[in-house]
Every structure is written in C-alpha cells, then in structure tokens.
N, C-alpha and C. Protein backbone atom coordinates (compact mmCIF):
# COMPACT_ATOMS: atom_id res chain seq x y z
N UNK A 1 0.83 -1.19 0.00
CA UNK A 1 0.00 0.00 0.00
C UNK A 1 0.87 1.26 0.00
N UNK A 2 1.92 1.24 0.82
CA UNK A 2 2.82 2.38 0.91
C UNK A 2 3.56 2.55 -0.42
N UNK A 3 3.96 1.44 -1.03
CA UNK A 3 4.65 1.50 -2.32
C UNK A 3 3.75 2.10 -3.39
N UNK A 4 2.50 1.74 -3.42
CA UNK A 4 1.55 2.26 -4.41
C UNK A 4 1.36 3.76 -4.22
N UNK A 5 1.27 4.21 -2.97
CA UNK A 5 1.12 5.65 -2.72
C UNK A 5 2.39 6.40 -3.12
N UNK A 6 3.53 5.82 -2.86
CA UNK A 6 4.80 6.45 -3.25
C UNK A 6 4.93 6.53 -4.76
N UNK A 7 4.55 5.47 -5.45
CA UNK A 7 4.62 5.45 -6.91
C UNK A 7 3.66 6.48 -7.49
N UNK A 8 2.46 6.59 -6.93
CA UNK A 8 1.49 7.57 -7.39
C UNK A 8 2.02 8.99 -7.16
N UNK A 9 2.66 9.21 -6.04
CA UNK A 9 3.24 10.52 -5.75
C UNK A 9 4.33 10.89 -6.75
N UNK A 10 5.18 9.93 -7.09
CA UNK A 10 6.24 10.18 -8.06
C UNK A 10 5.64 10.49 -9.43
N UNK A 11 4.61 9.75 -9.81
CA UNK A 11 3.95 10.00 -11.10
C UNK A 11 3.33 11.39 -11.13
N UNK A 12 2.67 11.79 -10.04
CA UNK A 12 2.05 13.12 -9.99
C UNK A 12 3.09 14.24 -10.04
N UNK A 13 4.20 14.07 -9.35
CA UNK A 13 5.27 15.07 -9.38
C UNK A 13 5.86 15.15 -10.79
N UNK A 14 6.07 14.00 -11.42
CA UNK A 14 6.58 13.99 -12.80
C UNK A 14 5.62 14.67 -13.76
N UNK A 15 4.33 14.41 -13.60
CA UNK A 15 3.32 15.04 -14.44
C UNK A 15 3.30 16.55 -14.22
N UNK A 16 3.39 16.97 -12.95
CA UNK A 16 3.44 18.40 -12.63
C UNK A 16 4.64 19.06 -13.30
N UNK A 17 5.81 18.45 -13.18
CA UNK A 17 7.02 19.02 -13.78
C UNK A 17 6.93 19.07 -15.30
N UNK A 18 6.41 18.02 -15.91
CA UNK A 18 6.26 18.00 -17.36
C UNK A 18 5.35 19.13 -17.82
N UNK A 19 4.18 19.24 -17.21
CA UNK A 19 3.23 20.28 -17.61
C UNK A 19 3.78 21.68 -17.33
N UNK A 20 4.41 21.86 -16.19
CA UNK A 20 4.96 23.16 -15.84
C UNK A 20 6.05 23.58 -16.83
N UNK A 21 6.96 22.68 -17.15
CA UNK A 21 8.01 22.99 -18.12
C UNK A 21 7.42 23.24 -19.50
N UNK A 22 6.38 22.51 -19.86
CA UNK A 22 5.74 22.70 -21.16
C UNK A 22 5.10 24.09 -21.24
N UNK A 23 4.43 24.51 -20.18
CA UNK A 23 3.83 25.85 -20.17
C UNK A 23 4.92 26.92 -20.24
N UNK A 24 5.95 26.76 -19.45
CA UNK A 24 7.01 27.76 -19.38
C UNK A 24 7.73 27.90 -20.72
N UNK A 25 8.00 26.79 -21.39
CA UNK A 25 8.75 26.85 -22.64
C UNK A 25 7.90 27.19 -23.87
N UNK A 26 6.58 27.21 -23.73
CA UNK A 26 5.70 27.57 -24.84
C UNK A 26 5.69 29.08 -25.00
N UNK A 27 5.78 29.54 -26.25
CA UNK A 27 5.72 30.97 -26.54
C UNK A 27 4.38 31.53 -26.08
N UNK A 28 4.41 32.68 -25.41
CA UNK A 28 3.19 33.27 -24.87
C UNK A 28 2.14 33.58 -25.91
N UNK A 29 2.55 33.85 -27.15
CA UNK A 29 1.57 34.17 -28.19
C UNK A 29 0.87 32.92 -28.71
N UNK A 30 1.38 31.73 -28.38
CA UNK A 30 0.78 30.48 -28.85
C UNK A 30 -0.18 29.86 -27.83
N UNK A 31 -0.15 30.34 -26.60
CA UNK A 31 -0.99 29.78 -25.54
C UNK A 31 -2.44 30.12 -25.83
N UNK A 32 -3.31 29.14 -25.65
CA UNK A 32 -4.73 29.34 -25.95
C UNK A 32 -5.56 29.59 -24.69
N UNK A 33 -6.59 30.39 -24.83
CA UNK A 33 -7.68 30.63 -23.89
C UNK A 33 -7.34 31.44 -22.64
N UNK A 34 -6.18 31.31 -22.05
CA UNK A 34 -5.82 32.06 -20.84
C UNK A 34 -4.40 32.60 -21.01
N UNK A 35 -4.05 33.64 -20.25
CA UNK A 35 -2.65 34.10 -20.29
C UNK A 35 -1.71 33.02 -19.74
N UNK A 36 -0.48 33.10 -20.14
CA UNK A 36 0.51 32.09 -19.76
C UNK A 36 0.65 31.99 -18.24
N UNK A 37 0.68 33.11 -17.55
CA UNK A 37 0.83 33.09 -16.08
C UNK A 37 -0.35 32.38 -15.42
N UNK A 38 -1.55 32.53 -15.99
CA UNK A 38 -2.72 31.84 -15.44
C UNK A 38 -2.58 30.33 -15.60
N UNK A 39 -2.05 29.89 -16.73
CA UNK A 39 -1.82 28.46 -16.93
C UNK A 39 -0.78 27.93 -15.95
N UNK A 40 0.26 28.71 -15.71
CA UNK A 40 1.30 28.27 -14.77
C UNK A 40 0.69 28.10 -13.38
N UNK A 41 -0.08 29.08 -12.94
CA UNK A 41 -0.71 28.99 -11.61
C UNK A 41 -1.68 27.81 -11.55
N UNK A 42 -2.44 27.61 -12.62
CA UNK A 42 -3.40 26.52 -12.65
C UNK A 42 -2.71 25.16 -12.57
N UNK A 43 -1.62 25.00 -13.31
CA UNK A 43 -0.89 23.73 -13.30
C UNK A 43 -0.30 23.47 -11.92
N UNK A 44 0.24 24.50 -11.28
CA UNK A 44 0.89 24.31 -9.99
C UNK A 44 -0.13 24.13 -8.86
N UNK A 45 -1.18 24.94 -8.86
CA UNK A 45 -2.10 24.95 -7.72
C UNK A 45 -3.13 23.83 -7.75
N UNK A 46 -3.60 23.46 -8.92
CA UNK A 46 -4.63 22.40 -8.95
C UNK A 46 -4.17 21.21 -9.79
N UNK A 47 -3.03 20.68 -9.37
CA UNK A 47 -2.48 19.49 -10.03
C UNK A 47 -3.31 18.29 -9.59
N UNK A 48 -3.66 17.37 -10.40
CA UNK A 48 -3.38 17.15 -11.82
C UNK A 48 -4.43 17.74 -12.75
N UNK A 49 -5.50 18.32 -12.20
CA UNK A 49 -6.56 18.86 -13.05
C UNK A 49 -6.03 20.01 -13.92
N UNK A 50 -5.19 20.87 -13.36
CA UNK A 50 -4.63 21.97 -14.13
C UNK A 50 -3.74 21.49 -15.26
N UNK A 51 -2.97 20.44 -15.00
CA UNK A 51 -2.11 19.87 -16.04
C UNK A 51 -2.91 19.24 -17.16
N UNK A 52 -3.96 18.53 -16.80
CA UNK A 52 -4.82 17.91 -17.81
C UNK A 52 -5.50 18.99 -18.63
N UNK A 53 -5.97 20.05 -17.96
CA UNK A 53 -6.60 21.16 -18.69
C UNK A 53 -5.61 21.81 -19.64
N UNK A 54 -4.37 21.99 -19.19
CA UNK A 54 -3.34 22.57 -20.07
C UNK A 54 -3.15 21.72 -21.32
N UNK A 55 -3.01 20.41 -21.13
CA UNK A 55 -2.75 19.53 -22.27
C UNK A 55 -3.93 19.48 -23.24
N UNK A 56 -5.14 19.56 -22.71
CA UNK A 56 -6.32 19.45 -23.57
C UNK A 56 -6.76 20.77 -24.17
N UNK A 57 -6.65 21.87 -23.41
CA UNK A 57 -7.26 23.13 -23.83
C UNK A 57 -6.25 24.25 -24.08
N UNK A 58 -5.21 24.34 -23.28
CA UNK A 58 -4.33 25.50 -23.36
C UNK A 58 -3.14 25.35 -24.28
N UNK A 59 -2.71 24.14 -24.50
CA UNK A 59 -1.52 23.89 -25.30
C UNK A 59 -1.76 24.25 -26.77
N UNK A 60 -0.77 24.82 -27.44
CA UNK A 60 -0.93 25.17 -28.87
C UNK A 60 -1.16 23.92 -29.71
N UNK A 61 -1.97 24.09 -30.74
CA UNK A 61 -2.20 23.00 -31.69
C UNK A 61 -1.36 23.25 -32.92
N UNK A 62 -0.85 22.19 -33.50
CA UNK A 62 -0.12 22.33 -34.77
C UNK A 62 -1.12 22.60 -35.86
N UNK A 63 -0.77 23.50 -36.80
CA UNK A 63 -1.66 23.81 -37.92
C UNK A 63 -1.41 22.84 -39.06
N UNK A 64 -1.88 21.62 -38.88
CA UNK A 64 -1.74 20.63 -39.94
C UNK A 64 -3.11 20.30 -40.48
N UNK A 65 -3.16 19.98 -41.74
CA UNK A 65 -4.42 19.63 -42.38
C UNK A 65 -4.76 18.18 -42.10
N UNK A 66 -5.92 17.76 -42.59
CA UNK A 66 -6.33 16.37 -42.42
C UNK A 66 -5.58 15.51 -43.42
N UNK A 67 -5.86 14.22 -43.41
CA UNK A 67 -5.17 13.30 -44.30
C UNK A 67 -5.43 13.64 -45.76
N UNK A 68 -6.60 14.20 -46.05
CA UNK A 68 -6.93 14.55 -47.44
C UNK A 68 -6.30 15.87 -47.86
N UNK A 69 -5.57 16.52 -46.95
CA UNK A 69 -4.92 17.77 -47.31
C UNK A 69 -5.79 18.99 -47.12
N UNK A 70 -7.00 18.79 -46.60
CA UNK A 70 -7.88 19.93 -46.35
C UNK A 70 -7.66 20.43 -44.94
N UNK A 71 -7.86 21.73 -44.70
CA UNK A 71 -7.70 22.24 -43.34
C UNK A 71 -8.79 21.68 -42.44
N UNK A 72 -8.47 21.59 -41.17
CA UNK A 72 -9.45 21.11 -40.20
C UNK A 72 -10.55 22.13 -40.04
N UNK A 73 -11.76 21.68 -39.74
CA UNK A 73 -12.86 22.63 -39.52
C UNK A 73 -12.56 23.54 -38.34
N UNK A 74 -12.95 24.80 -38.48
CA UNK A 74 -12.78 25.76 -37.40
C UNK A 74 -11.42 26.40 -37.36
N UNK A 75 -10.52 26.02 -38.25
CA UNK A 75 -9.18 26.60 -38.27
C UNK A 75 -9.07 27.52 -39.47
N UNK A 76 -8.53 28.72 -39.29
CA UNK A 76 -8.36 29.61 -40.44
C UNK A 76 -7.35 29.03 -41.42
N UNK A 77 -7.65 29.20 -42.71
CA UNK A 77 -6.76 28.66 -43.73
C UNK A 77 -5.65 29.64 -44.07
N UNK A 78 -5.95 30.93 -44.10
CA UNK A 78 -4.90 31.92 -44.34
C UNK A 78 -5.34 33.22 -43.70
N UNK A 79 -4.36 33.96 -43.21
CA UNK A 79 -4.70 35.21 -42.53
C UNK A 79 -5.51 34.93 -41.28
N UNK A 80 -5.79 35.94 -40.51
CA UNK A 80 -6.65 35.80 -39.35
C UNK A 80 -6.00 35.08 -38.19
N UNK A 81 -4.87 34.47 -38.38
CA UNK A 81 -4.20 33.77 -37.31
C UNK A 81 -2.81 34.37 -37.13
N UNK A 82 -2.52 34.80 -35.91
CA UNK A 82 -1.21 35.39 -35.68
C UNK A 82 -0.22 34.36 -35.15
N UNK A 83 -0.62 33.09 -35.11
CA UNK A 83 0.26 32.04 -34.63
C UNK A 83 1.04 31.43 -35.78
N UNK A 84 2.29 31.13 -35.51
CA UNK A 84 3.09 30.42 -36.49
C UNK A 84 2.96 28.93 -36.20
N UNK A 85 2.86 28.11 -37.21
CA UNK A 85 2.75 26.68 -36.95
C UNK A 85 4.04 26.13 -36.39
N UNK A 86 3.91 25.19 -35.47
CA UNK A 86 5.09 24.50 -34.95
C UNK A 86 5.47 23.45 -35.96
N UNK A 87 6.71 23.41 -36.32
CA UNK A 87 7.14 22.40 -37.27
C UNK A 87 8.51 21.88 -36.88
N UNK A 88 8.73 20.65 -37.24
CA UNK A 88 10.04 20.07 -36.97
C UNK A 88 11.02 20.58 -38.01
N UNK A 89 12.26 20.77 -37.61
CA UNK A 89 13.23 21.18 -38.61
C UNK A 89 13.38 20.08 -39.66
N UNK A 90 13.46 20.48 -40.91
CA UNK A 90 13.59 19.48 -41.95
C UNK A 90 14.97 18.86 -41.90
N UNK A 91 15.01 17.59 -42.22
CA UNK A 91 16.30 16.90 -42.21
C UNK A 91 17.08 17.29 -43.46
N UNK A 92 18.38 17.32 -43.38
CA UNK A 92 19.18 17.70 -44.55
C UNK A 92 19.01 16.67 -45.66
N UNK A 93 19.00 17.17 -46.88
CA UNK A 93 18.87 16.30 -48.04
C UNK A 93 20.25 15.85 -48.50
N UNK A 94 20.29 14.66 -49.04
CA UNK A 94 21.52 14.20 -49.67
C UNK A 94 21.72 15.03 -50.94
N UNK A 95 22.96 15.25 -51.36
CA UNK A 95 23.19 16.09 -52.53
C UNK A 95 22.44 15.63 -53.77
N UNK A 96 22.31 14.32 -53.96
CA UNK A 96 21.62 13.86 -55.16
C UNK A 96 20.10 13.95 -55.03
N UNK A 97 19.58 14.33 -53.87
CA UNK A 97 18.14 14.53 -53.68
C UNK A 97 17.77 16.01 -53.63
N UNK A 98 18.76 16.89 -53.52
CA UNK A 98 18.51 18.32 -53.36
C UNK A 98 18.36 18.97 -54.73
N UNK A 99 17.15 19.46 -55.07
CA UNK A 99 16.95 20.04 -56.40
C UNK A 99 17.81 21.29 -56.64
N UNK A 100 18.05 22.08 -55.61
CA UNK A 100 18.87 23.28 -55.77
C UNK A 100 20.32 22.90 -56.11
N UNK A 101 20.83 21.89 -55.44
CA UNK A 101 22.19 21.43 -55.70
C UNK A 101 22.31 20.89 -57.12
N UNK A 102 21.33 20.09 -57.54
CA UNK A 102 21.36 19.53 -58.89
C UNK A 102 21.27 20.62 -59.95
N UNK A 103 20.43 21.64 -59.71
CA UNK A 103 20.32 22.74 -60.66
C UNK A 103 21.64 23.49 -60.76
N UNK A 104 22.33 23.68 -59.63
CA UNK A 104 23.62 24.36 -59.63
C UNK A 104 24.66 23.53 -60.40
N UNK A 105 24.63 22.20 -60.25
CA UNK A 105 25.56 21.35 -61.00
C UNK A 105 25.32 21.47 -62.51
N UNK A 106 24.02 21.45 -62.90
CA UNK A 106 23.71 21.59 -64.33
C UNK A 106 24.20 22.93 -64.87
N UNK A 107 23.99 23.99 -64.10
CA UNK A 107 24.42 25.32 -64.52
C UNK A 107 25.94 25.36 -64.70
N UNK A 108 26.66 24.78 -63.75
CA UNK A 108 28.13 24.76 -63.85
C UNK A 108 28.60 23.95 -65.06
N UNK A 109 27.92 22.81 -65.28
CA UNK A 109 28.29 21.96 -66.41
C UNK A 109 28.08 22.70 -67.74
N UNK A 110 26.94 23.40 -67.87
CA UNK A 110 26.67 24.16 -69.09
C UNK A 110 27.71 25.28 -69.26
N UNK A 111 28.07 25.91 -68.18
CA UNK A 111 29.06 26.98 -68.23
C UNK A 111 30.42 26.44 -68.69
N UNK A 112 30.81 25.28 -68.15
CA UNK A 112 32.07 24.67 -68.56
C UNK A 112 32.05 24.27 -70.04
N UNK A 113 30.92 23.75 -70.51
CA UNK A 113 30.80 23.38 -71.92
C UNK A 113 30.94 24.61 -72.82
N UNK A 114 30.28 25.71 -72.40
CA UNK A 114 30.37 26.95 -73.18
C UNK A 114 31.82 27.44 -73.24
N UNK A 115 32.51 27.41 -72.12
CA UNK A 115 33.91 27.85 -72.09
C UNK A 115 34.78 26.96 -72.97
N UNK A 116 34.52 25.66 -72.91
CA UNK A 116 35.30 24.72 -73.70
C UNK A 116 35.06 24.95 -75.19
N UNK A 117 33.80 25.18 -75.58
CA UNK A 117 33.49 25.48 -76.98
C UNK A 117 34.15 26.77 -77.42
N UNK A 118 34.17 27.74 -76.53
CA UNK A 118 34.81 29.03 -76.85
C UNK A 118 36.30 28.86 -77.05
N UNK A 119 36.95 28.02 -76.27
CA UNK A 119 38.38 27.76 -76.42
C UNK A 119 38.64 27.01 -77.72
N UNK A 120 37.79 26.03 -78.04
CA UNK A 120 37.96 25.26 -79.28
C UNK A 120 37.81 26.16 -80.50
N UNK A 121 36.87 27.10 -80.46
CA UNK A 121 36.66 28.03 -81.59
C UNK A 121 37.85 28.96 -81.78
N UNK A 122 38.45 29.38 -80.69
CA UNK A 122 39.56 30.32 -80.79
C UNK A 122 40.84 29.64 -81.29
N UNK A 123 41.01 28.34 -81.02
CA UNK A 123 42.19 27.60 -81.47
C UNK A 123 42.10 27.34 -82.98
N UNK A 124 40.93 27.05 -83.48
CA UNK A 124 40.78 26.69 -84.89
C UNK A 124 40.87 27.84 -85.82
C-alpha cells in the first residue's frame, strides 16, 4: 500500500514538472484561452486537473491539415491567425536529392561546356 502511494506521488510530481516545463517553454503568443501566467498557476495549484486542462485546452495545436490535405474545420486557412505553426526542422537532403544542388551542378556543367566550346573556336 505504501509502495503504491509512493509510486502515485512520483507519477504526480513527474506530471506536474512535465506540464509546468511545457507551459514555461511555450511561446506566450501560442498559448490558448488564458494568459501564460494563469496556466502556470493553474498547473501548480490544482495538479493534476490543471495539467490535464493545459494539455487538452491550453496547449498550442499544430496547424496541420487532415489526411486529405484539407484544413481542419474551425481553423483559419490563411490570414486571421497570428500564430506560427510549430514544425520540426527538416532533415538535410543528400546532394543527389537536393533540387537546388542539382540545378547548380547543371548550370556549372553548361558553363564549362560553353567555355570549352569558346576555347575550341579560338584555337581553330
């Protein structure tokens, strides 16, 4: 019985810390429904209800469309929203997959061919 209460206490403290750090590290302009300081007080004072409320209602939502590529209902498609979407940094592309790199290679190759043709014309 004592072990179960101790484990529950550790879980609640971990949940409190997770939610508190999440509120603190979230940009204030992305927080929904209440000011950031109100969410911090709510998470700390009425744990775990405040933490659950933060995760369900206050936390920013990513602006991603549905599987069909259409925007979700109730979300503005353009303008009207001052929030920037949260996105993961894109992973670097391999040189043979990067269209900009390939275009630069083609441009250099054409330039070298032109120079070589110019040298051949001047020799003859």
